[in-house]
């Protein structure tokens, strides 16, 4: 599976999870790419150049939205360690 296809699969999975949690809003793939570019394709927490995941600053299960303003790019390790806490990394 090529990287572009993987990104589409992840995006679809994210959208399903947001709908399942009755989250308000959504964001486009273009918005996600632009957000990653804003962070120089680096994790907002550890600043390393790793594969990035969409992290909801206010988690969906705590009523967070799926709008791009509630998303930050985190690597898998940092996203997992954050858990369901509300943390915005600069």
PDB file of N, CA and C in Angstrom:
ATOM      1  N   UNK A   1       0.856  -1.169   0.000  1.00  0.00           N
ATOM      2  CA  UNK A   1       0.000   0.000   0.000  1.00  0.00           C
ATOM      3  C   UNK A   1       0.906   1.237   0.000  1.00  0.00           C
ATOM      4  N   UNK A   2       0.666   2.167  -0.899  1.00  0.00           N
ATOM      5  CA  UNK A   2       1.503   3.366  -0.963  1.00  0.00           C
ATOM      6  C   UNK A   2       1.132   4.330   0.172  1.00  0.00           C
ATOM      7  N   UNK A   3       2.045   5.259   0.467  1.00  0.00           N
ATOM      8  CA  UNK A   3       1.834   6.198   1.575  1.00  0.00           C
ATOM      9  C   UNK A   3       0.573   7.021   1.403  1.00  0.00           C
ATOM     10  N   UNK A   4       0.271   7.421   0.161  1.00  0.00           N
ATOM     11  CA  UNK A   4      -0.924   8.219  -0.104  1.00  0.00           C
ATOM     12  C   UNK A   4      -2.188   7.446   0.275  1.00  0.00           C
ATOM     13  N   UNK A   5      -2.199   6.158  -0.043  1.00  0.00           N
ATOM     14  CA  UNK A   5      -3.336   5.306   0.310  1.00  0.00           C
ATOM     15  C   UNK A   5      -3.453   5.160   1.825  1.00  0.00           C
ATOM     16  N   UNK A   6      -2.327   4.993   2.493  1.00  0.00           N
ATOM     17  CA  UNK A   6      -2.340   4.863   3.962  1.00  0.00           C
ATOM     18  C   UNK A   6      -2.925   6.109   4.603  1.00  0.00           C
ATOM     19  N   UNK A   7      -2.550   7.277   4.069  1.00  0.00           N
ATOM     20  CA  UNK A   7      -3.086   8.533   4.600  1.00  0.00           C
ATOM     21  C   UNK A   7      -4.607   8.580   4.450  1.00  0.00           C
ATOM     22  N   UNK A   8      -5.115   8.123   3.312  1.00  0.00           N
ATOM     23  CA  UNK A   8      -6.563   8.117   3.079  1.00  0.00           C
ATOM     24  C   UNK A   8      -7.259   7.165   4.046  1.00  0.00           C
ATOM     25  N   UNK A   9      -6.663   6.010   4.266  1.00  0.00           N
ATOM     26  CA  UNK A   9      -7.237   5.028   5.197  1.00  0.00           C
ATOM     27  C   UNK A   9      -7.280   5.615   6.606  1.00  0.00           C
ATOM     28  N   UNK A  10      -6.185   6.266   7.021  1.00  0.00           N
ATOM     29  CA  UNK A  10      -6.143   6.891   8.351  1.00  0.00           C
ATOM     30  C   UNK A  10      -7.184   7.998   8.465  1.00  0.00           C
ATOM     31  N   UNK A  11      -7.316   8.791   7.407  1.00  0.00           N
ATOM     32  CA  UNK A  11      -8.296   9.885   7.429  1.00  0.00           C
ATOM     33  C   UNK A  11      -9.703   9.327   7.575  1.00  0.00           C
ATOM     34  N   UNK A  12     -10.023   8.278   6.833  1.00  0.00           N
ATOM     35  CA  UNK A  12     -11.349   7.660   6.931  1.00  0.00           C
ATOM     36  C   UNK A  12     -11.587   7.091   8.327  1.00  0.00           C
ATOM     37  N   UNK A  13     -10.562   6.483   8.897  1.00  0.00           N
ATOM     38  CA  UNK A  13     -10.677   5.929  10.242  1.00  0.00           C
ATOM     39  C   UNK A  13     -10.923   7.041  11.260  1.00  0.00           C
ATOM     40  N   UNK A  14     -10.214   8.148  11.095  1.00  0.00           N
ATOM     41  CA  UNK A  14     -10.393   9.296  11.990  1.00  0.00           C
ATOM     42  C   UNK A  14     -11.811   9.845  11.880  1.00  0.00           C
ATOM     43  N   UNK A  15     -12.331   9.957  10.671  1.00  0.00           N
ATOM     44  CA  UNK A  15     -13.687  10.472  10.475  1.00  0.00           C
ATOM     45  C   UNK A  15     -14.726   9.550  11.101  1.00  0.00           C
ATOM     46  N   UNK A  16     -14.531   8.243  10.960  1.00  0.00           N
ATOM     47  CA  UNK A  16     -15.465   7.279  11.571  1.00  0.00           C
ATOM     48  C   UNK A  16     -15.452   7.412  13.089  1.00  0.00           C
ATOM     49  N   UNK A  17     -14.257   7.554  13.662  1.00  0.00           N
ATOM     50  CA  UNK A  17     -14.137   7.679  15.117  1.00  0.00           C
ATOM     51  C   UNK A  17     -14.809   8.963  15.591  1.00  0.00           C
ATOM     52  N   UNK A  18     -14.644  10.040  14.851  1.00  0.00           N
ATOM     53  CA  UNK A  18     -15.281  11.309  15.220  1.00  0.00           C
ATOM     54  C   UNK A  18     -16.802  11.173  15.176  1.00  0.00           C
ATOM     55  N   UNK A  19     -17.320  10.532  14.124  1.00  0.00           N
ATOM     56  CA  UNK A  19     -18.783  10.331  14.025  1.00  0.00           C
ATOM     57  C   UNK A  19     -19.283   9.453  15.162  1.00  0.00           C
ATOM     58  N   UNK A  20     -18.528   8.396  15.463  1.00  0.00           N
ATOM     59  CA  UNK A  20     -18.929   7.467  16.528  1.00  0.00           C
ATOM     60  C   UNK A  20     -19.010   8.191  17.875  1.00  0.00           C
ATOM     61  N   UNK A  21     -18.157   9.184  18.072  1.00  0.00           N
ATOM     62  CA  UNK A  21     -18.155   9.959  19.315  1.00  0.00           C
ATOM     63  C   UNK A  21     -19.044  11.192  19.233  1.00  0.00           C
ATOM     64  N   UNK A  22     -19.844  11.283  18.169  1.00  0.00           N
ATOM     65  CA  UNK A  22     -20.739  12.425  17.963  1.00  0.00           C
ATOM     66  C   UNK A  22     -20.000  13.754  18.046  1.00  0.00           C
ATOM     67  N   UNK A  23     -18.770  13.780  17.532  1.00  0.00           N
ATOM     68  CA  UNK A  23     -17.971  15.006  17.570  1.00  0.00           C
ATOM     69  C   UNK A  23     -18.497  16.011  16.566  1.00  0.00           C
ATOM     70  N   UNK A  24     -18.458  17.258  16.960  1.00  0.00           N
ATOM     71  CA  UNK A  24     -18.855  18.346  16.076  1.00  0.00           C
ATOM     72  C   UNK A  24     -17.715  18.608  15.095  1.00  0.00           C
ATOM     73  N   UNK A  25     -18.081  18.972  13.870  1.00  0.00           N
ATOM     74  CA  UNK A  25     -17.104  19.431  12.885  1.00  0.00           C
ATOM     75  C   UNK A  25     -16.323  18.343  12.191  1.00  0.00           C
ATOM     76  N   UNK A  26     -15.439  18.803  11.311  1.00  0.00           N
ATOM     77  CA  UNK A  26     -14.530  17.924  10.584  1.00  0.00           C
ATOM     78  C   UNK A  26     -13.422  18.793  10.005  1.00  0.00           C
ATOM     79  N   UNK A  27     -12.415  18.156   9.476  1.00  0.00           N
ATOM     80  CA  UNK A  27     -11.341  18.875   8.804  1.00  0.00           C
ATOM     81  C   UNK A  27     -10.955  18.110   7.544  1.00  0.00           C
ATOM     82  N   UNK A  28     -10.406  18.842   6.593  1.00  0.00           N
ATOM     83  CA  UNK A  28     -10.052  18.235   5.311  1.00  0.00           C
ATOM     84  C   UNK A  28      -8.609  17.728   5.341  1.00  0.00           C
ATOM     85  N   UNK A  29      -8.285  16.905   4.358  1.00  0.00           N
ATOM     86  CA  UNK A  29      -6.918  16.430   4.207  1.00  0.00           C
ATOM     87  C   UNK A  29      -5.984  17.603   3.923  1.00  0.00           C
ATOM     88  N   UNK A  30      -6.473  18.587   3.187  1.00  0.00           N
ATOM     89  CA  UNK A  30      -5.665  19.770   2.880  1.00  0.00           C
ATOM     90  C   UNK A  30      -5.328  20.517   4.170  1.00  0.00           C
ATOM     91  N   UNK A  31      -6.308  20.673   5.052  1.00  0.00           N
ATOM     92  CA  UNK A  31      -6.061  21.341   6.331  1.00  0.00           C
ATOM     93  C   UNK A  31      -5.035  20.567   7.159  1.00  0.00           C
ATOM     94  N   UNK A  32      -5.139  19.246   7.143  1.00  0.00           N
ATOM     95  CA  UNK A  32      -4.207  18.395   7.891  1.00  0.00           C
ATOM     96  C   UNK A  32      -2.791  18.546   7.329  1.00  0.00           C
ATOM     97  N   UNK A  33      -2.644  18.527   6.003  1.00  0.00           N
ATOM     98  CA  UNK A  33      -1.323  18.709   5.388  1.00  0.00           C
ATOM     99  C   UNK A  33      -0.742  20.078   5.757  1.00  0.00           C
ATOM    100  N   UNK A  34      -1.575  21.109   5.691  1.00  0.00           N
ATOM    101  CA  UNK A  34      -1.119  22.463   6.030  1.00  0.00           C
ATOM    102  C   UNK A  34      -0.691  22.562   7.496  1.00  0.00           C
ATOM    103  N   UNK A  35      -1.420  21.885   8.388  1.00  0.00           N
ATOM    104  CA  UNK A  35      -1.059  21.899   9.806  1.00  0.00           C
ATOM    105  C   UNK A  35       0.288  21.212  10.020  1.00  0.00           C
ATOM    106  N   UNK A  36       0.490  20.068   9.363  1.00  0.00           N
ATOM    107  CA  UNK A  36       1.776  19.375   9.482  1.00  0.00           C
ATOM    108  C   UNK A  36       2.906  20.256   8.962  1.00  0.00           C
ATOM    109  N   UNK A  37       2.671  20.953   7.851  1.00  0.00           N
ATOM    110  CA  UNK A  37       3.688  21.849   7.294  1.00  0.00           C
ATOM    111  C   UNK A  37       4.002  22.986   8.263  1.00  0.00           C
ATOM    112  N   UNK A  38       2.975  23.499   8.942  1.00  0.00           N
ATOM    113  CA  UNK A  38       3.169  24.570   9.932  1.00  0.00           C
ATOM    114  C   UNK A  38       4.140  24.124  11.022  1.00  0.00           C
ATOM    115  N   UNK A  39       4.108  22.845  11.355  1.00  0.00           N
ATOM    116  CA  UNK A  39       4.990  22.272  12.365  1.00  0.00           C
ATOM    117  C   UNK A  39       6.247  21.655  11.737  1.00  0.00           C
ATOM    118  N   UNK A  40       6.511  21.994  10.477  1.00  0.00           N
ATOM    119  CA  UNK A  40       7.671  21.461   9.741  1.00  0.00           C
ATOM    120  C   UNK A  40       7.702  19.934   9.724  1.00  0.00           C
ATOM    121  N   UNK A  41       6.523  19.336   9.671  1.00  0.00           N
ATOM    122  CA  UNK A  41       6.367  17.880   9.652  1.00  0.00           C
ATOM    123  C   UNK A  41       7.058  17.211  10.836  1.00  0.00           C
ATOM    124  N   UNK A  42       6.999  17.892  11.976  1.00  0.00           N
ATOM    125  CA  UNK A  42       7.586  17.361  13.205  1.00  0.00           C
ATOM    126  C   UNK A  42       6.524  17.281  14.293  1.00  0.00           C
ATOM    127  N   UNK A  43       6.751  16.386  15.231  1.00  0.00           N
ATOM    128  CA  UNK A  43       5.840  16.212  16.360  1.00  0.00           C
ATOM    129  C   UNK A  43       5.810  17.495  17.192  1.00  0.00           C
ATOM    130  N   UNK A  44       4.615  17.934  17.558  1.00  0.00           N
ATOM    131  CA  UNK A  44       4.470  19.161  18.348  1.00  0.00           C
ATOM    132  C   UNK A  44       5.060  19.016  19.749  1.00  0.00           C
ATOM    133  N   UNK A  45       5.175  17.796  20.252  1.00  0.00           N
ATOM    134  CA  UNK A  45       5.703  17.590  21.601  1.00  0.00           C
ATOM    135  C   UNK A  45       7.217  17.340  21.590  1.00  0.00           C
ATOM    136  N   UNK A  46       7.665  16.280  20.934  1.00  0.00           N
ATOM    137  CA  UNK A  46       9.080  15.900  20.988  1.00  0.00           C
ATOM    138  C   UNK A  46       9.918  16.551  19.884  1.00  0.00           C
ATOM    139  N   UNK A  47       9.247  17.176  18.921  1.00  0.00           N
ATOM    140  CA  UNK A  47       9.897  17.896  17.816  1.00  0.00           C
ATOM    141  C   UNK A  47      10.679  16.991  16.867  1.00  0.00           C
ATOM    142  N   UNK A  48      10.483  15.675  16.961  1.00  0.00           N
ATOM    143  CA  UNK A  48      11.198  14.756  16.082  1.00  0.00           C
ATOM    144  C   UNK A  48      10.459  14.588  14.767  1.00  0.00           C
ATOM    145  N   UNK A  49      11.218  14.257  13.739  1.00  0.00           N
ATOM    146  CA  UNK A  49      10.681  14.051  12.400  1.00  0.00           C
ATOM    147  C   UNK A  49      10.247  12.588  12.263  1.00  0.00           C
ATOM    148  N   UNK A  50       9.054  12.296  12.769  1.00  0.00           N
ATOM    149  CA  UNK A  50       8.501  10.942  12.741  1.00  0.00           C
ATOM    150  C   UNK A  50       7.157  10.975  12.024  1.00  0.00           C
ATOM    151  N   UNK A  51       6.612   9.811  11.747  1.00  0.00           N
ATOM    152  CA  UNK A  51       5.274   9.739  11.169  1.00  0.00           C
ATOM    153  C   UNK A  51       4.302  10.362  12.166  1.00  0.00           C
ATOM    154  N   UNK A  52       3.452  11.247  11.670  1.00  0.00           N
ATOM    155  CA  UNK A  52       2.565  12.007  12.548  1.00  0.00           C
ATOM    156  C   UNK A  52       1.143  11.470  12.565  1.00  0.00           C
ATOM    157  N   UNK A  53       0.529  11.591  13.729  1.00  0.00           N
ATOM    158  CA  UNK A  53      -0.869  11.209  13.906  1.00  0.00           C
ATOM    159  C   UNK A  53      -1.663  12.445  14.294  1.00  0.00           C
ATOM    160  N   UNK A  54      -2.962  12.392  14.055  1.00  0.00           N
ATOM    161  CA  UNK A  54      -3.849  13.492  14.459  1.00  0.00           C
ATOM    162  C   UNK A  54      -4.172  13.312  15.936  1.00  0.00           C
ATOM    163  N   UNK A  55      -3.807  14.312  16.725  1.00  0.00           N
ATOM    164  CA  UNK A  55      -4.150  14.282  18.143  1.00  0.00           C
ATOM    165  C   UNK A  55      -5.191  15.350  18.395  1.00  0.00           C
ATOM    166  N   UNK A  56      -6.269  14.973  19.048  1.00  0.00           N
ATOM    167  CA  UNK A  56      -7.298  15.943  19.422  1.00  0.00           C
ATOM    168  C   UNK A  56      -6.874  16.565  20.744  1.00  0.00           C
ATOM    169  N   UNK A  57      -6.650  17.885  20.740  1.00  0.00           N
ATOM    170  CA  UNK A  57      -6.210  18.600  21.935  1.00  0.00           C
ATOM    171  C   UNK A  57      -7.200  18.346  23.067  1.00  0.00           C
ATOM    172  N   UNK A  58      -8.475  18.600  22.804  1.00  0.00           N
ATOM    173  CA  UNK A  58      -9.534  18.183  23.725  1.00  0.00           C
ATOM    174  C   UNK A  58     -10.069  16.879  23.146  1.00  0.00           C
ATOM    175  N   UNK A  59      -9.819  15.752  23.803  1.00  0.00           N
ATOM    176  CA  UNK A  59     -10.204  14.451  23.254  1.00  0.00           C
ATOM    177  C   UNK A  59     -11.686  14.360  22.882  1.00  0.00           C
ATOM    178  N   UNK A  60     -11.956  13.590  21.841  1.00  0.00           N
ATOM    179  CA  UNK A  60     -13.330  13.392  21.387  1.00  0.00           C
ATOM    180  C   UNK A  60     -14.211  12.851  22.508  1.00  0.00           C
ATOM    181  N   UNK A  61     -13.660  11.945  23.309  1.00  0.00           N
ATOM    182  CA  UNK A  61     -14.479  11.349  24.372  1.00  0.00           C
ATOM    183  C   UNK A  61     -14.788  12.337  25.498  1.00  0.00           C
ATOM    184  N   UNK A  62     -14.111  13.489  25.480  1.00  0.00           N
ATOM    185  CA  UNK A  62     -14.398  14.541  26.465  1.00  0.00           C
ATOM    186  C   UNK A  62     -15.130  15.711  25.824  1.00  0.00           C
ATOM    187  N   UNK A  63     -15.723  15.461  24.644  1.00  0.00           N
ATOM    188  CA  UNK A  63     -16.525  16.477  23.989  1.00  0.00           C
ATOM    189  C   UNK A  63     -15.781  17.364  23.011  1.00  0.00           C
ATOM    190  N   UNK A  64     -14.552  17.005  22.680  1.00  0.00           N
ATOM    191  CA  UNK A  64     -13.768  17.785  21.728  1.00  0.00           C
ATOM    192  C   UNK A  64     -14.317  17.663  20.315  1.00  0.00           C
ATOM    193  N   UNK A  65     -14.011  18.669  19.510  1.00  0.00           N
ATOM    194  CA  UNK A  65     -14.485  18.663  18.123  1.00  0.00           C
ATOM    195  C   UNK A  65     -13.438  18.047  17.199  1.00  0.00           C
ATOM    196  N   UNK A  66     -13.840  17.831  15.951  1.00  0.00           N
ATOM    197  CA  UNK A  66     -12.928  17.330  14.935  1.00  0.00           C
ATOM    198  C   UNK A  66     -12.511  18.458  13.988  1.00  0.00           C
ATOM    199  N   UNK A  67     -12.754  19.711  14.392  1.00  0.00           N
ATOM    200  CA  UNK A  67     -12.267  20.850  13.609  1.00  0.00           C
ATOM    201  C   UNK A  67     -10.746  20.898  13.702  1.00  0.00           C
ATOM    202  N   UNK A  68     -10.118  21.447  12.684  1.00  0.00           N
ATOM    203  CA  UNK A  68      -8.652  21.496  12.635  1.00  0.00           C
ATOM    204  C   UNK A  68      -8.068  22.285  13.809  1.00  0.00           C
ATOM    205  N   UNK A  69      -8.802  23.228  14.365  1.00  0.00           N
ATOM    206  CA  UNK A  69      -8.278  24.003  15.495  1.00  0.00           C
ATOM    207  C   UNK A  69      -8.121  23.151  16.760  1.00  0.00           C
ATOM    208  N   UNK A  70      -8.723  21.974  16.784  1.00  0.00           N
ATOM    209  CA  UNK A  70      -8.601  21.057  17.915  1.00  0.00           C
ATOM    210  C   UNK A  70      -7.620  19.924  17.614  1.00  0.00           C
ATOM    211  N   UNK A  71      -6.862  20.048  16.542  1.00  0.00           N
ATOM    212  CA  UNK A  71      -5.935  18.989  16.127  1.00  0.00           C
ATOM    213  C   UNK A  71      -4.509  19.500  16.242  1.00  0.00           C
ATOM    214  N   UNK A  72      -3.616  18.616  16.691  1.00  0.00           N
ATOM    215  CA  UNK A  72      -2.185  18.909  16.657  1.00  0.00           C
ATOM    216  C   UNK A  72      -1.458  17.652  16.185  1.00  0.00           C
ATOM    217  N   UNK A  73      -0.369  17.827  15.450  1.00  0.00           N
ATOM    218  CA  UNK A  73       0.365  16.658  14.962  1.00  0.00           C
ATOM    219  C   UNK A  73       1.307  16.111  16.031  1.00  0.00           C
ATOM    220  N   UNK A  74       1.096  14.857  16.401  1.00  0.00           N
ATOM    221  CA  UNK A  74       1.972  14.188  17.355  1.00  0.00           C
ATOM    222  C   UNK A  74       2.424  12.859  16.764  1.00  0.00           C
ATOM    223  N   UNK A  75       3.641  12.433  17.123  1.00  0.00           N
ATOM    224  CA  UNK A  75       4.071  11.099  16.727  1.00  0.00           C
ATOM    225  C   UNK A  75       3.261  10.096  17.562  1.00  0.00           C
ATOM    226  N   UNK A  76       3.287   8.872  17.168  1.00  0.00           N
ATOM    227  CA  UNK A  76       2.479   7.845  17.847  1.00  0.00           C
ATOM    228  C   UNK A  76       2.835   7.732  19.329  1.00  0.00           C
ATOM    229  N   UNK A  77       4.140   7.776  19.633  1.00  0.00           N
ATOM    230  CA  UNK A  77       4.572   7.630  21.023  1.00  0.00           C
ATOM    231  C   UNK A  77       4.052   8.779  21.898  1.00  0.00           C
ATOM    232  N   UNK A  78       4.186  10.006  21.401  1.00  0.00           N
ATOM    233  CA  UNK A  78       3.721  11.166  22.180  1.00  0.00           C
ATOM    234  C   UNK A  78       2.200  11.175  22.292  1.00  0.00           C
ATOM    235  N   UNK A  79       1.504  10.779  21.228  1.00  0.00           N
ATOM    236  CA  UNK A  79       0.046  10.733  21.253  1.00  0.00           C
ATOM    237  C   UNK A  79      -0.408   9.715  22.300  1.00  0.00           C
ATOM    238  N   UNK A  80       0.237   8.560  22.330  1.00  0.00           N
ATOM    239  CA  UNK A  80      -0.127   7.522  23.300  1.00  0.00           C
ATOM    240  C   UNK A  80       0.160   7.965  24.726  1.00  0.00           C
ATOM    241  N   UNK A  81       1.291   8.636  24.932  1.00  0.00           N
ATOM    242  CA  UNK A  81       1.646   9.042  26.296  1.00  0.00           C
ATOM    243  C   UNK A  81       0.738  10.156  26.803  1.00  0.00           C
ATOM    244  N   UNK A  82       0.166  10.951  25.908  1.00  0.00           N
ATOM    245  CA  UNK A  82      -0.756  12.024  26.297  1.00  0.00           C
ATOM    246  C   UNK A  82      -2.058  11.448  26.823  1.00  0.00           C
ATOM    247  N   UNK A  83      -2.460  10.329  26.281  1.00  0.00           N
ATOM    248  CA  UNK A  83      -3.705   9.700  26.717  1.00  0.00           C
ATOM    249  C   UNK A  83      -4.914  10.572  26.453  1.00  0.00           C
ATOM    250  N   UNK A  84      -5.816  10.668  27.432  1.00  0.00           N
ATOM    251  CA  UNK A  84      -7.042  11.467  27.267  1.00  0.00           C
ATOM    252  C   UNK A  84      -6.932  12.810  27.992  1.00  0.00           C
ATOM    253  N   UNK A  85      -5.715  13.241  28.241  1.00  0.00           N
ATOM    254  CA  UNK A  85      -5.500  14.538  28.876  1.00  0.00           C
ATOM    255  C   UNK A  85      -5.661  15.656  27.839  1.00  0.00           C
ATOM    256  N   UNK A  86      -5.991  16.843  28.330  1.00  0.00           N
ATOM    257  CA  UNK A  86      -6.102  18.014  27.456  1.00  0.00           C
ATOM    258  C   UNK A  86      -4.792  18.775  27.540  1.00  0.00           C
ATOM    259  N   UNK A  87      -3.949  18.617  26.512  1.00  0.00           N
ATOM    260  CA  UNK A  87      -2.656  19.278  26.480  1.00  0.00           C
ATOM    261  C   UNK A  87      -2.431  19.840  25.086  1.00  0.00           C
ATOM    262  N   UNK A  88      -2.100  21.128  25.005  1.00  0.00           N
ATOM    263  CA  UNK A  88      -1.752  21.753  23.726  1.00  0.00           C
ATOM    264  C   UNK A  88      -0.257  22.013  23.749  1.00  0.00           C
ATOM    265  N   UNK A  89       0.431  21.423  22.798  1.00  0.00           N
ATOM    266  CA  UNK A  89       1.871  21.645  22.662  1.00  0.00           C
ATOM    267  C   UNK A  89       2.089  22.738  21.622  1.00  0.00           C
ATOM    268  N   UNK A  90       3.104  23.554  21.829  1.00  0.00           N
ATOM    269  CA  UNK A  90       3.389  24.645  20.892  1.00  0.00           C
ATOM    270  C   UNK A  90       4.341  24.201  19.821  1.00  0.00           C
TER     271      UNK A  90
END
